[in-house]
Every structure is written in structure tokens, then in C-alpha cells.
C-alpha atoms as a PDB file:
ATOM      1  CA  MET A   1     -14.508   8.127   8.157  1.00  0.00           C
ATOM      2  CA  HIS A   2     -13.597   5.922   5.342  1.00  0.00           C
ATOM      3  CA  SER A   3     -12.949   3.037   7.704  1.00  0.00           C
ATOM      4  CA  PHE A   4     -16.590   3.360   8.803  1.00  0.00           C
ATOM      5  CA  ASP A   5     -17.706   2.513   5.217  1.00  0.00           C
ATOM      6  CA  VAL A   6     -15.272  -0.391   5.092  1.00  0.00           C
ATOM      7  CA  PHE A   7     -16.551  -1.641   8.356  1.00  0.00           C
ATOM      8  CA  ARG A   8     -20.197  -1.530   7.106  1.00  0.00           C
ATOM      9  CA  HIS A   9     -19.192  -3.168   3.901  1.00  0.00           C
ATOM     10  CA  TYR A  10     -17.474  -6.008   5.691  1.00  0.00           C
ATOM     11  CA  GLU A  11     -20.262  -6.445   8.225  1.00  0.00           C
ATOM     12  CA  ARG A  12     -22.874  -6.810   5.350  1.00  0.00           C
ATOM     13  CA  LEU A  13     -20.848  -8.938   2.905  1.00  0.00           C
ATOM     14  CA  HIS A  14     -18.108 -10.797   4.576  1.00  0.00           C
ATOM     15  CA  TRP A  15     -18.051 -14.616   4.913  1.00  0.00           C
ATOM     16  CA  LYS A  16     -17.844 -16.429   8.109  1.00  0.00           C
ATOM     17  CA  LEU A  17     -15.528 -19.197   9.230  1.00  0.00           C
ATOM     18  CA  SER A  18     -18.733 -21.318  10.113  1.00  0.00           C
ATOM     19  CA  ASP A  19     -19.680 -20.970   6.358  1.00  0.00           C
ATOM     20  CA  LEU A  20     -16.927 -23.593   5.458  1.00  0.00           C
ATOM     21  CA  ASP A  21     -18.598 -27.087   5.504  1.00  0.00           C
ATOM     22  CA  LEU A  22     -15.512 -28.831   7.044  1.00  0.00           C
ATOM     23  CA  ALA A  23     -17.434 -31.887   7.591  1.00  0.00           C
ATOM     24  CA  ALA A  24     -17.606 -32.221   3.791  1.00  0.00           C
ATOM     25  CA  VAL A  25     -13.857 -32.277   3.372  1.00  0.00           C
ATOM     26  CA  ASP A  26     -12.966 -35.433   1.364  1.00  0.00           C
ATOM     27  CA  PRO A  27      -9.542 -36.817   2.303  1.00  0.00           C
ATOM     28  CA  ALA A  28      -9.452 -38.796  -0.819  1.00  0.00           C
ATOM     29  CA  LEU A  29      -9.233 -35.565  -2.795  1.00  0.00           C
ATOM     30  CA  VAL A  30      -6.308 -34.110  -0.618  1.00  0.00           C
ATOM     31  CA  ARG A  31      -2.983 -34.123  -2.176  1.00  0.00           C
ATOM     32  CA  PRO A  32       0.150 -33.501  -0.210  1.00  0.00           C
ATOM     33  CA  GLU A  33       0.743 -30.204  -1.999  1.00  0.00           C
ATOM     34  CA  TYR A  34      -2.650 -28.971  -0.675  1.00  0.00           C
ATOM     35  CA  ILE A  35      -1.325 -29.471   2.918  1.00  0.00           C
ATOM     36  CA  THR A  36       1.799 -27.708   2.058  1.00  0.00           C
ATOM     37  CA  LEU A  37      -0.092 -24.857   0.594  1.00  0.00           C
ATOM     38  CA  ALA A  38      -2.644 -24.484   3.567  1.00  0.00           C
ATOM     39  CA  LYS A  39       0.208 -24.679   6.069  1.00  0.00           C
ATOM     40  CA  SER A  40       2.126 -21.963   4.144  1.00  0.00           C
ATOM     41  CA  ALA A  41      -0.904 -19.841   3.926  1.00  0.00           C
ATOM     42  CA  ALA A  42      -1.521 -20.264   7.659  1.00  0.00           C
ATOM     43  CA  MET A  43       1.838 -19.092   8.482  1.00  0.00           C
ATOM     44  CA  GLY A  44       1.802 -16.191   6.098  1.00  0.00           C
ATOM     45  CA  GLU A  45      -1.550 -15.076   7.644  1.00  0.00           C
ATOM     46  CA  SER A  46      -0.273 -15.428  11.114  1.00  0.00           C
ATOM     47  CA  ASN A  47       2.053 -12.341  10.652  1.00  0.00           C
ATOM     48  CA  VAL A  48      -1.166 -10.288  11.097  1.00  0.00           C
ATOM     49  CA  ILE A  49      -0.520  -9.547  14.892  1.00  0.00           C
ATOM     50  CA  ALA A  50       2.936  -8.124  14.033  1.00  0.00           C
ATOM     51  CA  ALA A  51       1.592  -6.019  11.211  1.00  0.00           C
ATOM     52  CA  VAL A  52      -1.295  -4.579  13.326  1.00  0.00           C
ATOM     53  CA  HIS A  53       1.024  -3.889  16.077  1.00  0.00           C
ATOM     54  CA  GLY A  54       3.239  -1.955  13.571  1.00  0.00           C
ATOM     55  CA  PHE A  55       0.238  -0.053  11.970  1.00  0.00           C
ATOM     56  CA  LEU A  56      -1.108   1.178  15.276  1.00  0.00           C
ATOM     57  CA  ASP A  57       2.446   2.253  16.346  1.00  0.00           C
ATOM     58  CA  GLU A  58       3.383   3.962  13.130  1.00  0.00           C
ATOM     59  CA  PHE A  59       0.040   5.654  12.467  1.00  0.00           C
ATOM     60  CA  VAL A  60      -0.569   6.830  15.929  1.00  0.00           C
ATOM     61  CA  ASP A  61      -1.666  10.315  14.558  1.00  0.00           C
ATOM     62  CA  ASP A  62      -4.277   8.657  12.195  1.00  0.00           C
ATOM     63  CA  TYR A  63      -7.418   7.286  13.711  1.00  0.00           C
ATOM     64  CA  ASP A  64      -9.144   6.523  10.391  1.00  0.00           C
ATOM     65  CA  PHE A  65      -6.420   4.173   9.110  1.00  0.00           C
ATOM     66  CA  SER A  66      -5.831   2.709  12.508  1.00  0.00           C
ATOM     67  CA  THR A  67      -9.501   1.696  12.591  1.00  0.00           C
ATOM     68  CA  PHE A  68      -9.109   0.085   9.246  1.00  0.00           C
ATOM     69  CA  ALA A  69      -6.028  -1.732  10.339  1.00  0.00           C
ATOM     70  CA  VAL A  70      -8.099  -3.335  13.183  1.00  0.00           C
ATOM     71  CA  VAL A  71     -10.762  -4.401  10.770  1.00  0.00           C
ATOM     72  CA  TRP A  72      -8.234  -5.636   8.237  1.00  0.00           C
ATOM     73  CA  GLY A  73      -6.504  -7.547  11.104  1.00  0.00           C
ATOM     74  CA  TYR A  74      -9.782  -9.464  11.992  1.00  0.00           C
ATOM     75  CA  GLN A  75     -10.194 -10.661   8.563  1.00  0.00           C
ATOM     76  CA  GLU A  76      -6.529 -11.803   8.412  1.00  0.00           C
ATOM     77  CA  VAL A  77      -6.874 -13.597  11.632  1.00  0.00           C
ATOM     78  CA  GLN A  78      -9.948 -15.414  10.114  1.00  0.00           C
ATOM     79  CA  HIS A  79      -7.754 -16.457   7.222  1.00  0.00           C
ATOM     80  CA  HIS A  80      -5.325 -17.893   9.636  1.00  0.00           C
ATOM     81  CA  TYR A  81      -7.945 -19.863  11.503  1.00  0.00           C
ATOM     82  CA  ALA A  82      -9.671 -20.931   8.484  1.00  0.00           C
ATOM     83  CA  PHE A  83      -6.594 -22.600   6.972  1.00  0.00           C
ATOM     84  CA  ARG A  84      -5.696 -24.182  10.380  1.00  0.00           C
ATOM     85  CA  SER A  85      -9.387 -25.465  10.446  1.00  0.00           C
ATOM     86  CA  TRP A  86      -9.133 -27.142   7.078  1.00  0.00           C
ATOM     87  CA  LEU A  87      -5.846 -28.706   8.031  1.00  0.00           C
ATOM     88  CA  GLY A  88      -7.394 -29.892  11.285  1.00  0.00           C
ATOM     89  CA  ALA A  89     -10.231 -31.544   9.195  1.00  0.00           C
ATOM     90  CA  VAL A  90      -7.663 -33.593   7.267  1.00  0.00           C
ATOM     91  CA  GLY A  91      -5.663 -34.581  10.417  1.00  0.00           C
ATOM     92  CA  GLU A  92      -2.820 -31.948   9.961  1.00  0.00           C
ATOM     93  CA  ALA A  93      -1.757 -29.117  12.295  1.00  0.00           C
ATOM     94  CA  VAL A  94       0.319 -25.898  12.299  1.00  0.00           C
ATOM     95  CA  GLU A  95       2.915 -25.927  15.106  1.00  0.00           C
ATOM     96  CA  ASP A  96       2.069 -23.234  17.715  1.00  0.00           C
ATOM     97  CA  ARG A  97       5.759 -22.590  18.330  1.00  0.00           C
ATOM     98  CA  ALA A  98       6.156 -21.532  14.698  1.00  0.00           C
ATOM     99  CA  VAL A  99       3.125 -19.247  14.932  1.00  0.00           C
ATOM    100  CA  ASP A 100       4.391 -17.803  18.132  1.00  0.00           C
ATOM    101  CA  ALA A 101       7.727 -16.896  16.462  1.00  0.00           C
ATOM    102  CA  MET A 102       5.767 -14.656  13.976  1.00  0.00           C
ATOM    103  CA  ARG A 103       4.648 -12.266  16.846  1.00  0.00           C
ATOM    104  CA  GLU A 104       7.534  -9.914  16.935  1.00  0.00           C
ATOM    105  CA  PRO A 105       6.729  -6.691  14.948  1.00  0.00           C
ATOM    106  CA  TYR A 106       9.065  -5.711  12.111  1.00  0.00           C
ATOM    107  CA  ALA A 107      10.608  -2.465  11.462  1.00  0.00           C
ATOM    108  CA  PRO A 108       8.332   0.182   9.718  1.00  0.00           C
ATOM    109  CA  GLY A 109       9.031   1.569   6.380  1.00  0.00           C
ATOM    110  CA  SER A 110      11.184   4.329   5.575  1.00  0.00           C
ATOM    111  CA  THR A 111       8.113   6.439   5.670  1.00  0.00           C
ATOM    112  CA  PRO A 112       4.486   5.633   6.477  1.00  0.00           C
ATOM    113  CA  SER A 113       3.594   5.913   2.790  1.00  0.00           C
ATOM    114  CA  ALA A 114       6.235   3.198   2.112  1.00  0.00           C
ATOM    115  CA  THR A 115       4.658   0.930   4.745  1.00  0.00           C
ATOM    116  CA  LEU A 116       1.338   1.293   2.997  1.00  0.00           C
ATOM    117  CA  ALA A 117       2.922   0.630  -0.464  1.00  0.00           C
ATOM    118  CA  THR A 118       4.463  -2.618   0.998  1.00  0.00           C
ATOM    119  CA  ASN A 119       1.174  -3.697   1.946  1.00  0.00           C
ATOM    120  CA  ILE A 120      -0.488  -2.990  -1.444  1.00  0.00           C
ATOM    121  CA  ILE A 121       2.219  -5.215  -2.891  1.00  0.00           C
ATOM    122  CA  SER A 122       1.536  -8.010  -0.505  1.00  0.00           C
ATOM    123  CA  GLU A 123      -2.192  -7.875  -0.867  1.00  0.00           C
ATOM    124  CA  LEU A 124      -2.010  -7.927  -4.652  1.00  0.00           C
ATOM    125  CA  THR A 125       0.487 -10.807  -4.581  1.00  0.00           C
ATOM    126  CA  VAL A 126      -1.452 -13.100  -2.170  1.00  0.00           C
ATOM    127  CA  ASN A 127      -4.621 -12.271  -4.026  1.00  0.00           C
ATOM    128  CA  HIS A 128      -3.248 -13.286  -7.302  1.00  0.00           C
ATOM    129  CA  VAL A 129      -1.766 -16.566  -5.805  1.00  0.00           C
ATOM    130  CA  TYR A 130      -4.781 -17.534  -3.914  1.00  0.00           C
ATOM    131  CA  ARG A 131      -6.952 -17.054  -6.955  1.00  0.00           C
ATOM    132  CA  ALA A 132      -4.729 -19.137  -9.140  1.00  0.00           C
ATOM    133  CA  VAL A 133      -4.332 -21.882  -6.657  1.00  0.00           C
ATOM    134  CA  SER A 134      -8.151 -22.021  -6.033  1.00  0.00           C
ATOM    135  CA  SER A 135      -8.596 -22.984  -9.763  1.00  0.00           C
ATOM    136  CA  TRP A 136      -5.945 -25.636  -9.478  1.00  0.00           C
ATOM    137  CA  VAL A 137      -6.922 -27.197  -6.155  1.00  0.00           C
ATOM    138  CA  GLY A 138      -9.314 -30.316  -6.511  1.00  0.00           C
ATOM    139  CA  GLU A 139     -10.710 -30.395  -2.973  1.00  0.00           C
ATOM    140  CA  PRO A 140     -13.839 -28.289  -2.936  1.00  0.00           C
ATOM    141  CA  VAL A 141     -13.662 -26.917   0.637  1.00  0.00           C
ATOM    142  CA  LEU A 142     -10.102 -25.750   0.283  1.00  0.00           C
ATOM    143  CA  LYS A 143     -11.035 -24.327  -3.059  1.00  0.00           C
ATOM    144  CA  GLU A 144     -13.763 -22.305  -1.519  1.00  0.00           C
ATOM    145  CA  LEU A 145     -11.615 -21.058   1.330  1.00  0.00           C
ATOM    146  CA  LEU A 146      -8.991 -20.000  -1.212  1.00  0.00           C
ATOM    147  CA  LEU A 147     -11.447 -18.135  -3.363  1.00  0.00           C
ATOM    148  CA  ASN A 148     -12.955 -16.334  -0.331  1.00  0.00           C
ATOM    149  CA  ALA A 149      -9.454 -15.349   0.889  1.00  0.00           C
ATOM    150  CA  SER A 150      -8.510 -14.190  -2.485  1.00  0.00           C
ATOM    151  CA  ARG A 151     -11.536 -11.828  -2.762  1.00  0.00           C
ATOM    152  CA  ASP A 152     -10.798 -10.486   0.677  1.00  0.00           C
ATOM    153  CA  GLU A 153      -7.165  -9.683  -0.302  1.00  0.00           C
ATOM    154  CA  ALA A 154      -8.453  -7.724  -3.343  1.00  0.00           C
ATOM    155  CA  GLY A 155     -10.594  -5.786  -1.119  1.00  0.00           C
ATOM    156  CA  HIS A 156      -7.625  -5.140   1.417  1.00  0.00           C
ATOM    157  CA  ALA A 157      -5.585  -4.052  -1.650  1.00  0.00           C
ATOM    158  CA  ARG A 158      -8.297  -1.587  -2.618  1.00  0.00           C
ATOM    159  CA  GLU A 159      -8.232   0.075   0.880  1.00  0.00           C
ATOM    160  CA  PHE A 160      -4.456   0.250   1.127  1.00  0.00           C
ATOM    161  CA  ILE A 161      -4.402   1.996  -2.320  1.00  0.00           C
ATOM    162  CA  HIS A 162      -6.999   4.436  -0.940  1.00  0.00           C
ATOM    163  CA  TYR A 163      -4.970   5.250   2.122  1.00  0.00           C
ATOM    164  CA  THR A 164      -1.683   5.520   0.202  1.00  0.00           C
ATOM    165  CA  THR A 165      -3.313   7.831  -2.367  1.00  0.00           C
ATOM    166  CA  GLU A 166      -4.668  10.130   0.337  1.00  0.00           C
ATOM    167  CA  ARG A 167      -1.574  10.090   2.263  1.00  0.00           C
ATOM    168  CA  LEU A 168       0.445  11.227  -0.790  1.00  0.00           C
ATOM    169  CA  LYS A 169      -1.858  14.130  -1.385  1.00  0.00           C
ATOM    170  CA  LYS A 170      -1.023  15.386   2.050  1.00  0.00           C
ATOM    171  CA  ARG A 171       2.698  14.138   2.093  1.00  0.00           C
ATOM    172  CA  PRO A 172       3.977  14.440  -1.434  1.00  0.00           C
ATOM    173  CA  GLU A 173       7.608  14.393  -0.166  1.00  0.00           C
ATOM    174  CA  GLU A 174       6.952  10.635   0.695  1.00  0.00           C
ATOM    175  CA  LEU A 175       6.636   9.762  -2.968  1.00  0.00           C
ATOM    176  CA  PRO A 176      10.332   8.689  -3.519  1.00  0.00           C
ATOM    177  CA  SER A 177       9.884   6.071  -0.739  1.00  0.00           C
ATOM    178  CA  VAL A 178       6.863   4.648  -2.313  1.00  0.00           C
ATOM    179  CA  LEU A 179       8.686   4.340  -5.758  1.00  0.00           C
ATOM    180  CA  GLU A 180      11.632   2.875  -3.925  1.00  0.00           C
ATOM    181  CA  THR A 181       9.436   0.274  -2.462  1.00  0.00           C
ATOM    182  CA  LEU A 182       7.836  -0.638  -5.772  1.00  0.00           C
ATOM    183  CA  TYR A 183      11.363  -0.841  -7.458  1.00  0.00           C
ATOM    184  CA  VAL A 184      12.714  -3.168  -4.748  1.00  0.00           C
ATOM    185  CA  TYR A 185       9.819  -5.599  -4.791  1.00  0.00           C
ATOM    186  CA  SER A 186       8.936  -5.577  -8.540  1.00  0.00           C
ATOM    187  CA  SER A 187      12.495  -6.085  -9.732  1.00  0.00           C
ATOM    188  CA  GLU A 188      12.668  -9.521  -8.225  1.00  0.00           C
ATOM    189  CA  ALA A 189      13.092 -12.601 -10.382  1.00  0.00           C
ATOM    190  CA  LYS A 190      10.612 -14.469  -7.937  1.00  0.00           C
ATOM    191  CA  ILE A 191       7.712 -13.703  -5.770  1.00  0.00           C
ATOM    192  CA  LYS A 192       8.919 -11.670  -2.839  1.00  0.00           C
ATOM    193  CA  HIS A 193       6.699 -10.867   0.148  1.00  0.00           C
ATOM    194  CA  PRO A 194       7.327  -8.558   3.216  1.00  0.00           C
ATOM    195  CA  VAL A 195       6.803 -11.499   5.485  1.00  0.00           C
ATOM    196  CA  SER A 196       9.557 -13.293   3.560  1.00  0.00           C
ATOM    197  CA  THR A 197      11.869 -10.282   3.946  1.00  0.00           C
ATOM    198  CA  PHE A 198      11.311  -9.339   7.481  1.00  0.00           C
ATOM    199  CA  LYS A 199      10.837 -12.776   9.108  1.00  0.00           C
ATOM    200  CA  ALA A 200      13.599 -14.734   7.428  1.00  0.00           C
ATOM    201  CA  GLY A 201      16.021 -16.626   9.559  1.00  0.00           C
ATOM    202  CA  ILE A 202      13.709 -17.386  12.545  1.00  0.00           C
ATOM    203  CA  ALA A 203      14.986 -20.670  14.067  1.00  0.00           C
ATOM    204  CA  GLU A 204      11.417 -21.853  14.906  1.00  0.00           C
ATOM    205  CA  LEU A 205      10.555 -21.761  11.287  1.00  0.00           C
ATOM    206  CA  SER A 206      13.653 -23.886   9.941  1.00  0.00           C
ATOM    207  CA  ASP A 207      11.773 -27.124   9.744  1.00  0.00           C
ATOM    208  CA  HIS A 208       8.157 -25.772   9.099  1.00  0.00           C
ATOM    209  CA  GLU A 209       6.389 -24.541   6.068  1.00  0.00           C
ATOM    210  CA  THR A 210       6.538 -20.792   5.569  1.00  0.00           C
ATOM    211  CA  ILE A 211       5.010 -18.472   3.006  1.00  0.00           C
ATOM    212  CA  ASP A 212       7.955 -18.967   0.804  1.00  0.00           C
ATOM    213  CA  THR A 213       7.108 -22.678   0.612  1.00  0.00           C
ATOM    214  CA  GLY A 214       3.707 -21.872  -0.814  1.00  0.00           C
ATOM    215  CA  PHE A 215       5.148 -19.283  -3.307  1.00  0.00           C
ATOM    216  CA  ASP A 216       7.737 -21.714  -4.543  1.00  0.00           C
ATOM    217  CA  LEU A 217       5.107 -24.459  -5.011  1.00  0.00           C
ATOM    218  CA  PHE A 218       2.885 -22.110  -6.773  1.00  0.00           C
ATOM    219  CA  LEU A 219       5.703 -21.040  -9.279  1.00  0.00           C
ATOM    220  CA  GLU A 220       6.741 -24.713  -9.846  1.00  0.00           C
ATOM    221  CA  GLN A 221       3.361 -26.535 -10.270  1.00  0.00           C
ATOM    222  CA  VAL A 222       0.564 -23.888 -10.651  1.00  0.00           C
ATOM    223  CA  ALA A 223       1.714 -20.774 -12.441  1.00  0.00           C
ATOM    224  CA  ALA A 224       1.441 -20.452 -16.137  1.00  0.00           C
ATOM    225  CA  GLU A 225       4.406 -19.271 -18.279  1.00  0.00           C
ATOM    226  CA  GLY A 226       5.062 -15.554 -17.806  1.00  0.00           C
ATOM    227  CA  GLU A 227       2.690 -15.317 -14.791  1.00  0.00           C
ATOM    228  CA  LEU A 228       5.185 -13.701 -12.519  1.00  0.00           C
ATOM    229  CA  GLU A 229       5.567 -10.859 -15.194  1.00  0.00           C
ATOM    230  CA  VAL A 230       1.828 -10.568 -15.173  1.00  0.00           C
ATOM    231  CA  LEU A 231       1.775 -10.088 -11.456  1.00  0.00           C
ATOM    232  CA  HIS A 232       4.624  -7.518 -11.577  1.00  0.00           C
ATOM    233  CA  ASP A 233       2.683  -5.628 -14.316  1.00  0.00           C
ATOM    234  CA  LYS A 234      -0.398  -5.593 -12.313  1.00  0.00           C
ATOM    235  CA  VAL A 235       1.652  -4.133  -9.405  1.00  0.00           C
ATOM    236  CA  ARG A 236       3.189  -1.396 -11.430  1.00  0.00           C
ATOM    237  CA  ARG A 237      -0.198  -0.504 -13.035  1.00  0.00           C
ATOM    238  CA  THR A 238      -1.588  -0.171  -9.615  1.00  0.00           C
ATOM    239  CA  PHE A 239       1.110   2.203  -8.614  1.00  0.00           C
ATOM    240  CA  ALA A 240       0.843   4.235 -11.811  1.00  0.00           C
ATOM    241  CA  GLY A 241      -2.718   4.813 -11.039  1.00  0.00           C
ATOM    242  CA  ILE A 242      -1.733   6.116  -7.484  1.00  0.00           C
ATOM    243  CA  THR A 243       1.066   8.412  -8.529  1.00  0.00           C
ATOM    244  CA  GLY A 244       0.011   9.276 -12.147  1.00  0.00           C
ATOM    245  CA  LEU A 245       3.344   8.409 -13.425  1.00  0.00           C
ATOM    246  CA  ASP A 246       4.489   6.019 -16.241  1.00  0.00           C
ATOM    247  CA  LEU A 247       5.656   2.961 -14.275  1.00  0.00           C
ATOM    248  CA  SER A 248       5.161   0.203 -17.075  1.00  0.00           C
ATOM    249  CA  SER A 249       8.491  -1.299 -16.667  1.00  0.00           C
ATOM    250  CA  ASN A 250      11.268  -1.420 -14.064  1.00  0.00           C
ATOM    251  CA  ALA A 251      13.377   1.006 -16.101  1.00  0.00           C
ATOM    252  CA  LYS A 252      10.573   3.573 -15.906  1.00  0.00           C
ATOM    253  CA  VAL A 253      10.215   2.944 -12.183  1.00  0.00           C
ATOM    254  CA  ARG A 254      13.939   3.477 -11.830  1.00  0.00           C
ATOM    255  CA  ARG A 255      13.611   6.793 -13.965  1.00  0.00           C
ATOM    256  CA  ALA A 256      10.644   8.077 -11.954  1.00  0.00           C
ATOM    257  CA  LEU A 257      12.444   7.319  -8.691  1.00  0.00           C
ATOM    258  CA  ALA A 258      15.618   9.298  -9.935  1.00  0.00           C
ATOM    259  CA  ASP A 259      13.338  12.288 -10.927  1.00  0.00           C
ATOM    260  CA  ALA A 260      11.531  12.280  -7.485  1.00  0.00           C
ATOM    261  CA  ILE A 261      14.747  12.324  -5.693  1.00  0.00           C
ATOM    262  CA  ALA A 262      16.318  14.952  -7.940  1.00  0.00           C
END
């Protein structure tokens, strides 16, 4: 099983929460924006329980992917606790009521392939943002945490790409749903994440940082000019590699979708 190879890789190479030297956090180097980013990241990562619930329910006939989902979920829980631990080291906290509100699973994609495609986009997005922010942050422990998490998200994207590619070989009729997912997310004028889409409007989050808070701060203070298009291009190139189609622009994604539906 592919998931066994992933498990062994993670077991050999994955970092541990105890690797973070939280005692070395220097409060003098912590800016308010760092706290906002860490709280936003903690909230985004807290969606993992809802996501694993959804994966196990939707992929009930796929043991290999379901096993990967559990391994993936462990790492995402680690990210959540790592950001909360860093916040604790600087005297800040994430509210449990806000985290609890993230528990409800959201609706599956129109097909299982669409669900996988959505997660490719989310992993590539968070990988890009974490890596860029790690270069911007001046507090060393948070910088290390962001870089570690960014590398993890790159690995997660790689595995979701693998499972999407394999599923489309068996279920080519699900290709239109994958292209539709790509078009919806990559045509946005700002960063759009599934957590933003499916967990919007929760009352418990109204006065708390969310993943959108961090994305907005990234675009306003960290991102270079044209960086959003760089991210969209990365996502389109990834899907081009999966499908073998020319998806180099939104217009071409739309054309490919029309051809797949016809």
C-alpha cells in the first residue's frame, strides 16, 4: 500500500513537537502580527478533525487512502498543537470554544476526486503561505515552526496528488469535477481556502482570528507583488501534471472543463 510507504517516511523523518525550543522564545522579538498569524494558523489546522471525519466517511471503500488520511491527520493535529504551544510561550491562547466550533464535518465534494482536488489546492496554498511567512518572521522559534509546517504541507500535497492521479485512472468520469474545483478556486482574486468556504458564518468565530485573518495579513504585509498569481500558476501547473491538459490560464481551465463535460 502506498500509505505504508508514507507512514515509514514520516516515521523516519518527521519532526516532533518536542523539537521546538519553546523556552528560547524571545518575547522582545514577537510582533502583534506574529500572534495574529499563529492564532490564524491554529484555527486553520483545527479543521483537521472535521476533514478526517469526512475522508473516512467518503472513502469508506478505499483502505489505502483512509490510512493515509489518518497519518495526515496526525501531522495536522501536531501543527495545531505546535502553534498553540508557541502562543502559550508568549502568554497568548486560542479559545477552546472557537476550536470546538470547527468540529462539524463539511459536505463532501461533488465526487471523491473533487474532494481530493480541493485538498491539493489547500495544501499547496498553505505550503506557499507558511514558507513565505517563515522568511518574514523575525522570532526564531516561530520561524522554525512555520518552515517545518510548510515542508509537511508540501509532502501532503504530493500525496493528495498521488491519490487524485490514481483515482482518475480508475474513474475518468470524475475529471469534470476536478476541473470544476480548480476553476472555482483558482479564479478567485484573493486566496481562497476550503476552511474559509465551508466554515464561514460560525458564530463562535465572529470575534476570533480565522484562517482568513492570516491570509489577509499575508497579502497585505508579506506577499510580493504578483505573488497571488504565482500561487495560482503553481496550482494550475500541478493540475496540468495530473490531467495531462493545458491548464496554464483560467480561460484554458474553462475550455478544458467545457470539453470534459461535452
